Amino acid sequence: MVKLVLVRHGESTANADNEYTGWNDVDLTKRGVNQAHEAAQLLAKIDFQPTAVHTSVLIRAIKTANIICDDLNWLYLPIYKTWRLNERHYGALRGHNKDDSRQEYGKHQVALWRRSYTAVPPALPQPDHDRRYAHLDPRSVPLAESLAMASKRVMPYFQDQIAPELLNGHDQLIVAHGSTLRALLKYLEAIADDQIDGVEVDNGEPIVYEYDEHLKIINKTILTSSI
């Protein structure tokens, strides 16, 4: 049976400060580093031999992937970094404290922006100028995203780059972000639009999918961290 493992990055400084992050590039906290090490320890206990690692172009995910690979002697594996696995873009909310946003916009509105499938947070007035995205068509660089919008950039990467490897019997590891992994879970498990708001992905806790030869899910396991 082939396996796909999804890991959300370890706790970031923005997670610790209760801030919206999105495409802001923030580092791991000490706790986040420890969570990445523990994720590696959890993966060492199962039969999982990935042939490639897929992550975003954001530091918190890249460092988590590197720690896992270093701990498990997987640094020789190809690591593919793509903007398509970036966290969803929180627009003008990024960098702002979540509790302050509830005071400003109201709890219900913030809950919709954070958890619903289609709600779009307030947009930036113009896109960032960042070398990481200079090669993209400017129309591809978001000013803000709903989870549905983020899913439209995540799914082509999964279908084109990851699913074929799984069909060939090659285990794959994805290290990404809460929202983009929620988008993947929604697709993989056929979760309804109005049910995705209740789905959480915790930092550093690997989600393991086992598939048959037709990419039908046989088993799902969450490897629980104690940190």
Protein backbone atom coordinates (compact mmCIF):
# COMPACT_ATOMS: atom_id res chain seq x y z
CA MET A 1 0.00 0.00 0.00
CA VAL A 2 1.30 3.41 -0.94
CA LYS A 3 1.24 6.22 1.61
CA LEU A 4 0.71 9.96 1.46
CA VAL A 5 1.70 11.91 4.57
CA LEU A 6 0.63 15.50 5.22
CA VAL A 7 2.39 17.58 7.88
CA ARG A 8 1.53 21.12 8.89
CA HIS A 9 4.64 23.12 9.77
CA GLY A 10 5.63 23.51 13.42
CA GLU A 11 4.38 26.47 15.42
CA SER A 12 5.44 29.78 13.85
CA THR A 13 6.09 33.09 15.56
CA ALA A 14 2.78 34.33 14.11
CA ASN A 15 0.95 31.30 15.54
CA ALA A 16 2.45 32.09 18.94
CA ASP A 17 1.44 35.77 18.62
CA ASN A 18 -2.09 34.86 17.42
CA GLU A 19 -1.62 36.73 14.13
CA TYR A 20 -2.86 36.11 10.60
CA THR A 21 0.10 35.01 8.53
CA GLY A 22 -0.81 33.91 5.01
CA TRP A 23 2.06 34.71 2.66
CA ASN A 24 4.01 36.61 5.33
CA ASP A 25 7.30 34.78 5.78
CA VAL A 26 7.77 34.06 9.48
CA ASP A 27 10.07 31.64 11.26
CA LEU A 28 9.43 28.71 13.59
CA THR A 29 9.39 29.17 17.35
CA LYS A 30 11.47 26.91 19.58
CA ARG A 31 8.28 24.93 20.18
CA GLY A 32 7.75 24.73 16.41
CA VAL A 33 11.25 23.31 15.94
CA ASN A 34 10.52 20.72 18.63
CA GLN A 35 7.25 19.82 16.91
CA ALA A 36 9.13 19.20 13.68
CA HIS A 37 11.58 16.90 15.47
CA GLU A 38 8.70 15.03 17.07
CA ALA A 39 6.96 14.68 13.70
CA ALA A 40 10.10 12.93 12.48
CA GLN A 41 10.06 10.63 15.51
CA LEU A 42 6.44 9.74 14.81
CA LEU A 43 7.16 9.01 11.14
CA ALA A 44 10.12 6.82 12.12
CA LYS A 45 7.67 4.45 13.83
CA ILE A 46 5.70 3.63 10.68
CA ASP A 47 6.57 2.00 7.37
CA PHE A 48 6.97 5.13 5.26
CA GLN A 49 9.64 5.56 2.60
CA PRO A 50 8.95 8.69 0.54
CA THR A 51 10.66 9.26 -2.77
CA ALA A 52 10.04 13.03 -2.72
CA VAL A 53 9.09 15.88 -0.41
CA HIS A 54 6.78 18.73 -1.42
CA THR A 55 6.58 22.04 0.42
CA SER A 56 5.83 25.73 -0.04
CA VAL A 57 8.24 28.61 -0.60
CA LEU A 58 7.73 29.88 2.97
CA ILE A 59 10.37 29.47 5.68
CA ARG A 60 8.19 27.84 8.32
CA ALA A 61 7.26 24.95 6.03
CA ILE A 62 10.71 24.61 4.46
CA LYS A 63 12.45 24.45 7.85
CA THR A 64 9.95 21.88 9.12
CA ALA A 65 10.57 19.74 6.02
CA ASN A 66 14.33 20.08 6.43
CA ILE A 67 14.24 19.09 10.09
CA ILE A 68 12.13 16.01 9.33
CA CYS A 69 14.42 14.99 6.49
CA ASP A 70 17.58 15.58 8.54
CA ASP A 71 16.30 13.54 11.48
CA LEU A 72 15.24 10.64 9.24
CA ASN A 73 18.29 10.70 6.94
CA TRP A 74 16.17 11.80 4.00
CA LEU A 75 18.19 14.86 2.99
CA TYR A 76 19.12 13.07 -0.24
CA LEU A 77 15.49 13.14 -1.36
CA PRO A 78 14.37 15.75 -3.88
CA ILE A 79 12.50 18.58 -2.16
CA TYR A 80 10.12 20.45 -4.45
CA LYS A 81 9.19 23.96 -3.32
CA THR A 82 6.14 25.54 -4.91
CA TRP A 83 4.06 28.65 -4.28
CA ARG A 84 1.02 26.48 -4.93
CA LEU A 85 1.42 24.95 -1.47
CA ASN A 86 1.71 28.35 0.27
CA GLU A 87 -0.74 29.16 3.03
CA ARG A 88 -3.85 30.86 1.74
CA HIS A 89 -3.46 34.60 1.32
CA TYR A 90 -5.10 36.53 4.16
CA GLY A 91 -4.97 39.82 2.29
CA ALA A 92 -5.12 42.95 4.42
CA LEU A 93 -5.60 40.87 7.59
CA ARG A 94 -2.11 39.42 7.53
CA GLY A 95 0.09 40.54 10.38
CA HIS A 96 -2.94 41.59 12.42
CA ASN A 97 -3.91 40.04 15.74
CA LYS A 98 -6.92 37.72 15.46
CA ASP A 99 -8.54 38.96 18.67
CA ASP A 100 -8.21 42.58 17.51
CA SER A 101 -9.88 41.65 14.21
CA ARG A 102 -12.84 40.20 16.11
CA GLN A 103 -13.22 43.50 17.94
CA GLU A 104 -13.07 45.43 14.66
CA TYR A 105 -15.18 43.24 12.37
CA GLY A 106 -17.20 41.07 14.74
CA LYS A 107 -16.81 37.42 15.69
CA HIS A 108 -19.20 36.11 13.04
CA GLN A 109 -17.47 37.85 10.15
CA VAL A 110 -14.03 36.76 11.31
CA ALA A 111 -15.25 33.17 11.72
CA LEU A 112 -16.46 33.24 8.11
CA TRP A 113 -13.14 34.60 6.83
CA ARG A 114 -11.15 32.04 8.79
CA ARG A 115 -13.18 28.86 8.50
CA SER A 116 -15.69 28.97 5.64
CA TYR A 117 -14.94 27.72 2.15
CA THR A 118 -15.93 30.75 0.09
CA ALA A 119 -15.54 33.90 2.24
CA VAL A 120 -12.70 36.21 1.10
CA PRO A 121 -10.93 38.46 3.63
CA PRO A 122 -10.26 42.14 2.85
CA ALA A 123 -7.85 42.39 -0.07
CA LEU A 124 -4.51 44.13 -0.33
CA PRO A 125 -4.57 47.22 -2.56
CA GLN A 126 -1.76 45.79 -4.71
CA PRO A 127 0.33 42.61 -4.86
CA ASP A 128 3.66 42.27 -3.10
CA HIS A 129 6.86 42.55 -5.06
CA ASP A 130 8.75 39.44 -4.06
CA ARG A 131 11.43 37.62 -6.04
CA ARG A 132 9.79 34.29 -5.20
CA TYR A 133 6.78 35.19 -7.32
CA ALA A 134 8.45 37.25 -10.05
CA HIS A 135 8.16 34.39 -12.55
CA LEU A 136 4.39 34.12 -12.14
CA ASP A 137 1.75 35.72 -14.28
CA PRO A 138 0.72 38.76 -12.16
CA ARG A 139 -2.87 37.54 -12.38
CA SER A 140 -1.83 34.43 -10.41
CA VAL A 141 -0.58 36.43 -7.41
CA PRO A 142 -3.54 36.89 -5.05
CA LEU A 143 -4.53 39.99 -3.12
CA ALA A 144 -6.64 37.82 -0.79
CA GLU A 145 -8.02 34.28 -0.97
CA SER A 146 -10.90 32.19 0.25
CA LEU A 147 -10.17 28.53 0.90
CA ALA A 148 -11.92 27.77 -2.41
CA MET A 149 -9.56 30.10 -4.25
CA ALA A 150 -6.51 28.57 -2.59
CA SER A 151 -7.78 25.11 -3.50
CA LYS A 152 -7.75 26.07 -7.20
CA ARG A 153 -3.98 26.55 -7.10
CA VAL A 154 -3.25 23.59 -4.79
CA MET A 155 -5.17 20.91 -6.66
CA PRO A 156 -3.38 21.16 -10.03
CA TYR A 157 -0.08 20.58 -8.25
CA PHE A 158 -1.44 17.56 -6.41
CA GLN A 159 -3.00 16.08 -9.52
CA ASP A 160 -0.01 16.71 -11.80
CA GLN A 161 2.96 16.14 -9.48
CA ILE A 162 1.87 13.98 -6.55
CA ALA A 163 -0.99 11.72 -7.62
CA PRO A 164 1.05 10.16 -10.49
CA GLU A 165 3.81 9.24 -8.05
CA LEU A 166 1.32 7.63 -5.71
CA LEU A 167 -0.17 5.66 -8.62
CA ASN A 168 3.34 4.39 -9.35
CA GLY A 169 3.63 3.11 -5.79
CA HIS A 170 5.89 5.88 -4.49
CA ASP A 171 5.22 7.24 -0.99
CA GLN A 172 5.04 11.07 -0.89
CA LEU A 173 5.48 13.64 1.89
CA ILE A 174 3.81 17.06 1.85
CA VAL A 175 4.86 19.66 4.42
CA ALA A 176 2.65 22.72 4.11
CA HIS A 177 0.17 24.96 5.93
CA GLY A 178 -3.12 24.72 7.78
CA SER A 179 -5.38 26.08 5.05
CA THR A 180 -3.74 24.44 2.05
CA LEU A 181 -3.75 21.11 3.86
CA ARG A 182 -7.43 21.64 4.71
CA ALA A 183 -8.02 22.17 0.99
CA LEU A 184 -6.28 18.86 0.27
CA LEU A 185 -8.25 17.05 2.98
CA LYS A 186 -11.47 18.41 1.52
CA TYR A 187 -10.56 16.97 -1.87
CA LEU A 188 -9.14 13.66 -0.63
CA GLU A 189 -12.06 12.91 1.68
CA ALA A 190 -14.82 14.55 -0.42
CA ILE A 191 -15.79 16.86 2.46
CA ALA A 192 -18.79 19.07 1.70
CA ASP A 193 -18.35 22.84 1.41
CA ASP A 194 -20.44 23.46 4.51
CA GLN A 195 -18.53 20.87 6.58
CA ILE A 196 -14.96 22.07 6.02
CA ASP A 197 -15.27 24.77 8.70
CA GLY A 198 -14.99 22.08 11.36
CA VAL A 199 -11.78 20.54 10.01
CA GLU A 200 -8.56 21.36 11.86
CA VAL A 201 -4.95 20.46 11.05
CA ASP A 202 -2.62 20.71 14.03
CA ASN A 203 1.00 21.81 13.88
CA GLY A 204 3.49 18.98 13.49
CA GLU A 205 1.05 16.06 13.66
CA PRO A 206 1.43 13.83 10.55
CA ILE A 207 -1.73 12.73 8.77
CA VAL A 208 -1.13 9.37 7.09
CA TYR A 209 -3.25 8.15 4.18
CA GLU A 210 -2.88 4.59 2.89
CA TYR A 211 -4.13 3.92 -0.65
CA ASP A 212 -4.84 0.96 -2.83
CA GLU A 213 -3.58 0.77 -6.42
CA HIS A 214 -6.54 2.87 -7.63
CA LEU A 215 -5.85 5.67 -5.11
CA LYS A 216 -8.81 4.71 -2.99
CA ILE A 217 -8.20 5.53 0.67
CA ILE A 218 -7.90 2.36 2.74
CA ASN A 219 -6.92 3.95 6.02
CA LYS A 220 -6.29 7.36 7.60
CA THR A 221 -4.25 7.84 10.76
CA ILE A 222 -3.23 10.98 12.65
CA LEU A 223 0.06 10.54 14.51
CA THR A 224 -0.45 12.53 17.67
CA SER A 225 2.22 14.76 19.17
CA SER A 226 2.68 15.31 22.90
CA ILE A 227 4.33 18.75 22.57
